[in-house]
Amino acid sequence: MPVTKSGPRAIRDEVVKEKMGKSTDKWDAILDKWSREENGHTKTAAYLAKEFGLSGWWA
């Protein structure tokens, strides 16, 4: 089963898709286009909430 990352907070891809409506790969592409490294966590979370309607937990 694919996971979004390794470690104690890993989330399976099917859970990401169920909760967020897109696969991990699609979210990675969206975040790469958004330049998550340049924008940082706070701006990225706000962007995901505003543009995709994600809750703070999933953003």
Protein backbone atom coordinates (compact mmCIF):
# COMPACT_ATOMS: atom_id res chain seq x y z
CA MET A 1 0.00 0.00 0.00
CA PRO A 2 1.40 3.39 -0.94
CA VAL A 3 1.88 5.92 1.85
CA THR A 4 2.31 9.67 1.66
CA LYS A 5 5.48 9.59 3.74
CA SER A 6 7.34 7.32 6.08
CA GLY A 7 7.39 7.52 9.83
CA PRO A 8 4.79 7.51 12.60
CA ARG A 9 2.45 9.97 10.82
CA ALA A 10 2.26 8.11 7.49
CA ILE A 11 -1.16 8.19 5.82
CA ARG A 12 -2.21 5.59 3.26
CA ASP A 13 -3.01 6.91 -0.23
CA GLU A 14 -6.56 5.51 -0.15
CA VAL A 15 -7.26 7.48 3.04
CA VAL A 16 -5.90 10.67 1.45
CA LYS A 17 -8.12 10.13 -1.60
CA GLU A 18 -11.18 9.36 0.56
CA LYS A 19 -10.72 12.39 2.83
CA MET A 20 -9.31 14.89 0.33
CA GLY A 21 -10.81 13.79 -2.99
CA LYS A 22 -7.50 13.35 -4.82
CA SER A 23 -4.61 10.90 -4.73
CA THR A 24 -1.33 11.73 -3.05
CA ASP A 25 0.31 12.08 -6.47
CA LYS A 26 -2.29 14.65 -7.57
CA TRP A 27 -1.88 16.64 -4.34
CA ASP A 28 1.90 16.55 -4.77
CA ALA A 29 1.53 17.96 -8.30
CA ILE A 30 -0.79 20.73 -7.04
CA LEU A 31 1.62 21.58 -4.22
CA ASP A 32 4.64 21.54 -6.53
CA LYS A 33 2.88 23.97 -8.89
CA TRP A 34 1.98 26.17 -5.88
CA SER A 35 5.65 26.13 -4.76
CA ARG A 36 5.03 24.85 -1.25
CA GLU A 37 8.68 25.24 -0.28
CA GLU A 38 8.68 28.94 -1.18
CA ASN A 39 5.27 29.65 0.35
CA GLY A 40 5.78 27.69 3.57
CA HIS A 41 3.28 25.73 5.64
CA THR A 42 0.97 28.53 6.81
CA LYS A 43 0.40 30.05 3.37
CA THR A 44 0.07 26.61 1.80
CA ALA A 45 -2.55 25.52 4.33
CA ALA A 46 -4.51 28.74 3.74
CA TYR A 47 -4.30 28.19 -0.03
CA LEU A 48 -5.57 24.61 0.25
CA ALA A 49 -8.44 25.68 2.51
CA LYS A 50 -9.49 28.55 0.23
CA GLU A 51 -8.99 26.93 -3.17
CA PHE A 52 -9.98 23.34 -2.38
CA GLY A 53 -12.15 23.65 0.71
CA LEU A 54 -9.89 21.48 2.86
CA SER A 55 -10.17 21.66 6.62
CA GLY A 56 -7.19 22.80 8.63
CA TRP A 57 -6.49 19.20 9.58
CA TRP A 58 -6.03 18.08 5.98
CA ALA A 59 -4.56 21.32 4.68
